Amino acid sequence: METRERLLAAAARVFSEHGYTAGTTNRIAEAAGHSIGSLYQYFPNKDAILLELATAHARSGIAAMEELLAWGPLPETMQETIRLFVRAAIDNHRHDPALHRVLFEQAPRSPEFLEFLREAEARAVTLAESLLTSDPSVTVADPAMAARLVVITIESAVHRYVTGDGPHRLAHFEDELVTLLTRYLTLPAGSGDESADRAFHDDGQSPVPFPAPLR
């Protein structure tokens, strides 16, 4: 393994075990079997290492989606298509949840990394929109907005669940998230307005807490 890759692998282990604050460059160099001087030949500080790890994670996520589209025909139903993307997101997070918490919750984000994340999200939204506009079962009036909501929901929900303390019942979580998004995308025309109307009494009284559940 090359020195740079060895340092990155060691950094991932150190950050996962010790967190951001205690994940020092000295610990990383020691875990990699190199001197601190060798580490600084490749990275000026630990934030530069974190940036590279986080960028690799984000690239892996977008690459997984692009590979799904490149493999050939997608499933026949929107539900199974959504499942593919939810499962890809879960797989991209489940390998080392503790590391992902450090990367996206504890470590500072440079302007360059924030811009990279925005570009990655935009690419994901473009992919999602192309799928929604080509599927006749999708009933949303604004596919561009729906695509953004789907991408944000999958990434946020998967990250929060998988990186939570002791994530469990991942198969059940996957089913619930897929059902949520599929119902939103394929709700029969007019159902959304009817549900909203039911939230208010005809006599002008205050709205009920929640609309009736979908059936």
C-alpha atoms as a PDB file:
ATOM      1  CA  MET A   1       0.000   0.000   0.000  1.00  0.00           C
ATOM      2  CA  GLU A   2       1.340   3.453  -0.918  1.00  0.00           C
ATOM      3  CA  THR A   3       2.209   5.855   1.888  1.00  0.00           C
ATOM      4  CA  ARG A   4      -0.670   8.229   1.138  1.00  0.00           C
ATOM      5  CA  GLU A   5      -3.267   5.457   1.102  1.00  0.00           C
ATOM      6  CA  ARG A   6      -1.765   3.955   4.267  1.00  0.00           C
ATOM      7  CA  LEU A   7      -2.071   7.298   6.025  1.00  0.00           C
ATOM      8  CA  LEU A   8      -5.679   7.724   4.900  1.00  0.00           C
ATOM      9  CA  ALA A   9      -6.599   4.218   6.057  1.00  0.00           C
ATOM     10  CA  ALA A  10      -4.946   4.843   9.411  1.00  0.00           C
ATOM     11  CA  ALA A  11      -6.713   8.201   9.734  1.00  0.00           C
ATOM     12  CA  ALA A  12     -10.083   6.573   9.122  1.00  0.00           C
ATOM     13  CA  ARG A  13      -9.418   4.116  11.948  1.00  0.00           C
ATOM     14  CA  VAL A  14      -8.168   6.821  14.316  1.00  0.00           C
ATOM     15  CA  PHE A  15     -11.076   9.192  13.680  1.00  0.00           C
ATOM     16  CA  SER A  16     -13.564   6.349  14.016  1.00  0.00           C
ATOM     17  CA  GLU A  17     -12.105   5.273  17.363  1.00  0.00           C
ATOM     18  CA  HIS A  18     -11.127   8.604  18.909  1.00  0.00           C
ATOM     19  CA  GLY A  19     -13.304  11.216  17.227  1.00  0.00           C
ATOM     20  CA  TYR A  20     -12.285  14.530  15.708  1.00  0.00           C
ATOM     21  CA  THR A  21     -10.645  16.274  18.655  1.00  0.00           C
ATOM     22  CA  ALA A  22      -8.555  13.325  19.848  1.00  0.00           C
ATOM     23  CA  GLY A  23      -7.777  12.149  16.334  1.00  0.00           C
ATOM     24  CA  THR A  24      -4.438  13.910  16.188  1.00  0.00           C
ATOM     25  CA  THR A  25      -1.857  13.770  13.431  1.00  0.00           C
ATOM     26  CA  ASN A  26       0.539  12.081  15.865  1.00  0.00           C
ATOM     27  CA  ARG A  27      -1.949   9.267  16.423  1.00  0.00           C
ATOM     28  CA  ILE A  28      -2.546   8.946  12.703  1.00  0.00           C
ATOM     29  CA  ALA A  29       1.157   8.762  11.895  1.00  0.00           C
ATOM     30  CA  GLU A  30       1.718   6.187  14.616  1.00  0.00           C
ATOM     31  CA  ALA A  31      -1.227   4.065  13.435  1.00  0.00           C
ATOM     32  CA  ALA A  32       0.138   4.175   9.880  1.00  0.00           C
ATOM     33  CA  GLY A  33       3.654   3.220  10.999  1.00  0.00           C
ATOM     34  CA  HIS A  34       5.159   6.471   9.748  1.00  0.00           C
ATOM     35  CA  SER A  35       6.840   9.454  11.349  1.00  0.00           C
ATOM     36  CA  ILE A  36       4.929  12.689  11.823  1.00  0.00           C
ATOM     37  CA  GLY A  37       7.321  14.246   9.316  1.00  0.00           C
ATOM     38  CA  SER A  38       6.241  11.748   6.683  1.00  0.00           C
ATOM     39  CA  LEU A  39       2.597  12.594   7.324  1.00  0.00           C
ATOM     40  CA  TYR A  40       3.235  16.301   6.822  1.00  0.00           C
ATOM     41  CA  GLN A  41       4.843  15.563   3.470  1.00  0.00           C
ATOM     42  CA  TYR A  42       1.369  14.549   2.248  1.00  0.00           C
ATOM     43  CA  PHE A  43      -1.064  16.506   4.429  1.00  0.00           C
ATOM     44  CA  PRO A  44      -0.555  19.925   6.097  1.00  0.00           C
ATOM     45  CA  ASN A  45      -2.954  19.089   8.965  1.00  0.00           C
ATOM     46  CA  LYS A  46      -5.659  16.665  10.032  1.00  0.00           C
ATOM     47  CA  ASP A  47      -8.408  18.751   8.407  1.00  0.00           C
ATOM     48  CA  ALA A  48      -6.802  18.108   5.031  1.00  0.00           C
ATOM     49  CA  ILE A  49      -6.978  14.381   5.770  1.00  0.00           C
ATOM     50  CA  LEU A  50     -10.621  14.667   6.811  1.00  0.00           C
ATOM     51  CA  LEU A  51     -11.396  16.577   3.630  1.00  0.00           C
ATOM     52  CA  GLU A  52      -9.946  13.797   1.504  1.00  0.00           C
ATOM     53  CA  LEU A  53     -11.841  11.104   3.444  1.00  0.00           C
ATOM     54  CA  ALA A  54     -15.117  13.014   3.243  1.00  0.00           C
ATOM     55  CA  THR A  55     -14.665  13.736  -0.447  1.00  0.00           C
ATOM     56  CA  ALA A  56     -14.032  10.053  -1.119  1.00  0.00           C
ATOM     57  CA  HIS A  57     -17.250   9.194   0.750  1.00  0.00           C
ATOM     58  CA  ALA A  58     -19.290  11.706  -1.249  1.00  0.00           C
ATOM     59  CA  ARG A  59     -17.774  10.522  -4.527  1.00  0.00           C
ATOM     60  CA  SER A  60     -18.578   6.941  -3.625  1.00  0.00           C
ATOM     61  CA  GLY A  61     -22.213   7.852  -3.090  1.00  0.00           C
ATOM     62  CA  ILE A  62     -22.694   9.617  -6.408  1.00  0.00           C
ATOM     63  CA  ALA A  63     -20.711   6.914  -8.230  1.00  0.00           C
ATOM     64  CA  ALA A  64     -23.027   4.250  -6.808  1.00  0.00           C
ATOM     65  CA  MET A  65     -26.043   6.051  -8.270  1.00  0.00           C
ATOM     66  CA  GLU A  66     -24.407   6.546 -11.632  1.00  0.00           C
ATOM     67  CA  GLU A  67     -23.457   2.866 -11.753  1.00  0.00           C
ATOM     68  CA  LEU A  68     -27.069   1.901 -11.085  1.00  0.00           C
ATOM     69  CA  LEU A  69     -28.110   3.778 -14.204  1.00  0.00           C
ATOM     70  CA  ALA A  70     -25.247   2.365 -16.264  1.00  0.00           C
ATOM     71  CA  TRP A  71     -25.985  -1.288 -15.456  1.00  0.00           C
ATOM     72  CA  GLY A  72     -28.938  -1.427 -17.807  1.00  0.00           C
ATOM     73  CA  PRO A  73     -32.720  -1.303 -17.497  1.00  0.00           C
ATOM     74  CA  LEU A  74     -33.966  -0.197 -14.095  1.00  0.00           C
ATOM     75  CA  PRO A  75     -36.709  -2.143 -12.290  1.00  0.00           C
ATOM     76  CA  GLU A  76     -40.200  -1.911 -13.762  1.00  0.00           C
ATOM     77  CA  THR A  77     -41.708  -0.088 -10.789  1.00  0.00           C
ATOM     78  CA  MET A  78     -40.782   3.220  -9.195  1.00  0.00           C
ATOM     79  CA  GLN A  79     -40.871   1.504  -5.801  1.00  0.00           C
ATOM     80  CA  GLU A  80     -38.054  -0.865  -6.726  1.00  0.00           C
ATOM     81  CA  THR A  81     -36.081   1.937  -8.369  1.00  0.00           C
ATOM     82  CA  ILE A  82     -36.282   3.983  -5.168  1.00  0.00           C
ATOM     83  CA  ARG A  83     -35.242   0.874  -3.233  1.00  0.00           C
ATOM     84  CA  LEU A  84     -32.051   0.609  -5.269  1.00  0.00           C
ATOM     85  CA  PHE A  85     -31.059   4.148  -4.379  1.00  0.00           C
ATOM     86  CA  VAL A  86     -31.999   3.809  -0.724  1.00  0.00           C
ATOM     87  CA  ARG A  87     -29.999   0.598  -0.465  1.00  0.00           C
ATOM     88  CA  ALA A  88     -27.000   2.206  -2.179  1.00  0.00           C
ATOM     89  CA  ALA A  89     -27.110   5.041   0.368  1.00  0.00           C
ATOM     90  CA  ILE A  90     -27.347   2.575   3.254  1.00  0.00           C
ATOM     91  CA  ASP A  91     -24.402   0.573   1.935  1.00  0.00           C
ATOM     92  CA  ASN A  92     -22.374   3.773   1.603  1.00  0.00           C
ATOM     93  CA  HIS A  93     -22.980   4.623   5.281  1.00  0.00           C
ATOM     94  CA  ARG A  94     -23.046   1.301   7.078  1.00  0.00           C
ATOM     95  CA  HIS A  95     -19.359   0.392   6.668  1.00  0.00           C
ATOM     96  CA  ASP A  96     -18.129   2.713   9.432  1.00  0.00           C
ATOM     97  CA  PRO A  97     -20.906   4.815  11.024  1.00  0.00           C
ATOM     98  CA  ALA A  98     -18.569   6.262  13.646  1.00  0.00           C
ATOM     99  CA  LEU A  99     -16.276   7.645  10.935  1.00  0.00           C
ATOM    100  CA  HIS A 100     -19.198   9.184   9.091  1.00  0.00           C
ATOM    101  CA  ARG A 101     -20.284  10.975  12.253  1.00  0.00           C
ATOM    102  CA  VAL A 102     -16.821  12.542  12.479  1.00  0.00           C
ATOM    103  CA  LEU A 103     -16.734  13.473   8.802  1.00  0.00           C
ATOM    104  CA  PHE A 104     -20.128  15.131   8.622  1.00  0.00           C
ATOM    105  CA  GLU A 105     -21.004  16.147  12.177  1.00  0.00           C
ATOM    106  CA  GLN A 106     -17.809  16.960  14.071  1.00  0.00           C
ATOM    107  CA  ALA A 107     -15.203  18.129  11.601  1.00  0.00           C
ATOM    108  CA  PRO A 108     -15.162  21.653  10.134  1.00  0.00           C
ATOM    109  CA  ARG A 109     -16.086  21.986   6.492  1.00  0.00           C
ATOM    110  CA  SER A 110     -13.976  24.110   4.218  1.00  0.00           C
ATOM    111  CA  PRO A 111     -15.616  26.295   1.539  1.00  0.00           C
ATOM    112  CA  GLU A 112     -14.089  23.986  -1.081  1.00  0.00           C
ATOM    113  CA  PHE A 113     -15.693  20.926   0.457  1.00  0.00           C
ATOM    114  CA  LEU A 114     -19.077  22.638   0.800  1.00  0.00           C
ATOM    115  CA  GLU A 115     -18.909  23.542  -2.882  1.00  0.00           C
ATOM    116  CA  PHE A 116     -18.024  19.943  -3.734  1.00  0.00           C
ATOM    117  CA  LEU A 117     -21.051  18.722  -1.748  1.00  0.00           C
ATOM    118  CA  ARG A 118     -23.327  21.171  -3.558  1.00  0.00           C
ATOM    119  CA  GLU A 119     -22.049  19.961  -6.918  1.00  0.00           C
ATOM    120  CA  ALA A 120     -22.462  16.308  -5.903  1.00  0.00           C
ATOM    121  CA  GLU A 121     -26.020  16.951  -4.744  1.00  0.00           C
ATOM    122  CA  ALA A 122     -26.824  18.769  -7.984  1.00  0.00           C
ATOM    123  CA  ARG A 123     -25.608  15.771  -9.988  1.00  0.00           C
ATOM    124  CA  ALA A 124     -27.729  13.435  -7.868  1.00  0.00           C
ATOM    125  CA  VAL A 125     -30.783  15.657  -8.332  1.00  0.00           C
ATOM    126  CA  THR A 126     -30.263  15.690 -12.092  1.00  0.00           C
ATOM    127  CA  LEU A 127     -30.126  11.895 -12.144  1.00  0.00           C
ATOM    128  CA  ALA A 128     -33.246  11.631 -10.006  1.00  0.00           C
ATOM    129  CA  GLU A 129     -35.169  14.116 -12.143  1.00  0.00           C
ATOM    130  CA  SER A 130     -34.353  12.173 -15.303  1.00  0.00           C
ATOM    131  CA  LEU A 131     -35.839   9.069 -13.698  1.00  0.00           C
ATOM    132  CA  LEU A 132     -38.972  10.820 -12.482  1.00  0.00           C
ATOM    133  CA  THR A 133     -39.747  12.478 -15.805  1.00  0.00           C
ATOM    134  CA  SER A 134     -39.404   9.189 -17.690  1.00  0.00           C
ATOM    135  CA  ASP A 135     -41.676   7.125 -15.402  1.00  0.00           C
ATOM    136  CA  PRO A 136     -45.423   7.373 -16.194  1.00  0.00           C
ATOM    137  CA  SER A 137     -46.368   6.242 -12.679  1.00  0.00           C
ATOM    138  CA  VAL A 138     -44.926   9.424 -11.162  1.00  0.00           C
ATOM    139  CA  THR A 139     -47.712  11.933 -10.510  1.00  0.00           C
ATOM    140  CA  VAL A 140     -45.912  14.859  -8.856  1.00  0.00           C
ATOM    141  CA  ALA A 141     -46.596  18.187 -10.525  1.00  0.00           C
ATOM    142  CA  ASP A 142     -43.022  19.455 -10.139  1.00  0.00           C
ATOM    143  CA  PRO A 143     -40.474  16.702 -10.942  1.00  0.00           C
ATOM    144  CA  ALA A 144     -37.522  19.042 -10.366  1.00  0.00           C
ATOM    145  CA  MET A 145     -38.631  19.845  -6.825  1.00  0.00           C
ATOM    146  CA  ALA A 146     -39.583  16.212  -6.188  1.00  0.00           C
ATOM    147  CA  ALA A 147     -36.135  15.053  -7.320  1.00  0.00           C
ATOM    148  CA  ARG A 148     -34.468  17.442  -4.879  1.00  0.00           C
ATOM    149  CA  LEU A 149     -36.723  16.288  -2.046  1.00  0.00           C
ATOM    150  CA  VAL A 150     -36.015  12.632  -2.796  1.00  0.00           C
ATOM    151  CA  VAL A 151     -32.236  13.135  -2.836  1.00  0.00           C
ATOM    152  CA  ILE A 152     -32.209  15.225   0.340  1.00  0.00           C
ATOM    153  CA  THR A 153     -34.568  12.859   2.154  1.00  0.00           C
ATOM    154  CA  ILE A 154     -32.594   9.727   1.312  1.00  0.00           C
ATOM    155  CA  GLU A 155     -29.233  11.222   2.244  1.00  0.00           C
ATOM    156  CA  SER A 156     -30.440  12.862   5.442  1.00  0.00           C
ATOM    157  CA  ALA A 157     -32.621  10.012   6.681  1.00  0.00           C
ATOM    158  CA  VAL A 158     -30.041   7.312   5.936  1.00  0.00           C
ATOM    159  CA  HIS A 159     -27.218   9.288   7.531  1.00  0.00           C
ATOM    160  CA  ARG A 160     -29.177  10.011  10.716  1.00  0.00           C
ATOM    161  CA  TYR A 161     -30.442   6.448  11.066  1.00  0.00           C
ATOM    162  CA  VAL A 162     -27.355   4.466  10.145  1.00  0.00           C
ATOM    163  CA  THR A 163     -24.947   6.649  12.108  1.00  0.00           C
ATOM    164  CA  GLY A 164     -27.215   6.742  15.151  1.00  0.00           C
ATOM    165  CA  ASP A 165     -26.239   4.880  18.277  1.00  0.00           C
ATOM    166  CA  GLY A 166     -26.668   1.188  17.565  1.00  0.00           C
ATOM    167  CA  PRO A 167     -28.640   1.271  14.272  1.00  0.00           C
ATOM    168  CA  HIS A 168     -30.872  -1.753  14.009  1.00  0.00           C
ATOM    169  CA  ARG A 169     -33.637  -3.157  11.827  1.00  0.00           C
ATOM    170  CA  LEU A 170     -32.050  -1.730   8.687  1.00  0.00           C
ATOM    171  CA  ALA A 171     -34.276  -3.849   6.439  1.00  0.00           C
ATOM    172  CA  HIS A 172     -37.373  -2.433   8.115  1.00  0.00           C
ATOM    173  CA  PHE A 173     -35.993   1.100   7.883  1.00  0.00           C
ATOM    174  CA  GLU A 174     -35.335   0.554   4.182  1.00  0.00           C
ATOM    175  CA  ASP A 175     -38.907  -0.654   3.616  1.00  0.00           C
ATOM    176  CA  GLU A 176     -40.408   2.315   5.450  1.00  0.00           C
ATOM    177  CA  LEU A 177     -38.301   4.901   3.619  1.00  0.00           C
ATOM    178  CA  VAL A 178     -39.044   3.313   0.247  1.00  0.00           C
ATOM    179  CA  THR A 179     -42.781   3.282   1.026  1.00  0.00           C
ATOM    180  CA  LEU A 180     -42.705   6.917   2.139  1.00  0.00           C
ATOM    181  CA  LEU A 181     -41.021   8.149  -1.042  1.00  0.00           C
ATOM    182  CA  THR A 182     -43.006   5.914  -3.395  1.00  0.00           C
ATOM    183  CA  ARG A 183     -46.321   7.098  -1.991  1.00  0.00           C
ATOM    184  CA  TYR A 184     -45.231  10.694  -2.348  1.00  0.00           C
ATOM    185  CA  LEU A 185     -44.146  10.215  -5.961  1.00  0.00           C
ATOM    186  CA  THR A 186     -47.111   8.128  -7.123  1.00  0.00           C
ATOM    187  CA  LEU A 187     -49.991   9.603  -5.117  1.00  0.00           C
ATOM    188  CA  PRO A 188     -53.120   9.645  -7.330  1.00  0.00           C
ATOM    189  CA  ALA A 189     -53.842  13.044  -8.830  1.00  0.00           C
ATOM    190  CA  GLY A 190     -55.905  15.183  -6.479  1.00  0.00           C
ATOM    191  CA  SER A 191     -55.232  13.104  -3.397  1.00  0.00           C
ATOM    192  CA  GLY A 192     -52.881  15.674  -1.944  1.00  0.00           C
ATOM    193  CA  ASP A 193     -55.478  18.455  -2.243  1.00  0.00           C
ATOM    194  CA  GLU A 194     -58.177  16.263  -0.763  1.00  0.00           C
ATOM    195  CA  SER A 195     -55.982  15.372   2.184  1.00  0.00           C
ATOM    196  CA  ALA A 196     -55.233  19.045   2.774  1.00  0.00           C
ATOM    197  CA  ASP A 197     -58.926  19.905   2.595  1.00  0.00           C
ATOM    198  CA  ARG A 198     -59.706  17.277   5.206  1.00  0.00           C
ATOM    199  CA  ALA A 199     -57.287  18.978   7.558  1.00  0.00           C
ATOM    200  CA  PHE A 200     -59.744  21.866   8.003  1.00  0.00           C
ATOM    201  CA  HIS A 201     -63.311  21.743   9.271  1.00  0.00           C
ATOM    202  CA  ASP A 202     -65.970  23.261   7.064  1.00  0.00           C
ATOM    203  CA  ASP A 203     -67.199  25.344   9.995  1.00  0.00           C
ATOM    204  CA  GLY A 204     -63.923  27.284  10.186  1.00  0.00           C
ATOM    205  CA  GLN A 205     -62.620  25.605  13.313  1.00  0.00           C
ATOM    206  CA  SER A 206     -58.908  24.964  13.778  1.00  0.00           C
ATOM    207  CA  PRO A 207     -57.273  22.248  11.656  1.00  0.00           C
ATOM    208  CA  VAL A 208     -56.998  18.687  12.888  1.00  0.00           C
ATOM    209  CA  PRO A 209     -53.416  17.675  13.859  1.00  0.00           C
ATOM    210  CA  PHE A 210     -52.766  15.323  10.914  1.00  0.00           C
ATOM    211  CA  PRO A 211     -54.474  14.413   7.649  1.00  0.00           C
ATOM    212  CA  ALA A 212     -56.030  10.973   7.328  1.00  0.00           C
ATOM    213  CA  PRO A 213     -53.472   8.244   6.539  1.00  0.00           C
ATOM    214  CA  LEU A 214     -53.016   7.097   2.971  1.00  0.00           C
ATOM    215  CA  ARG A 215     -54.704   3.823   2.096  1.00  0.00           C
END
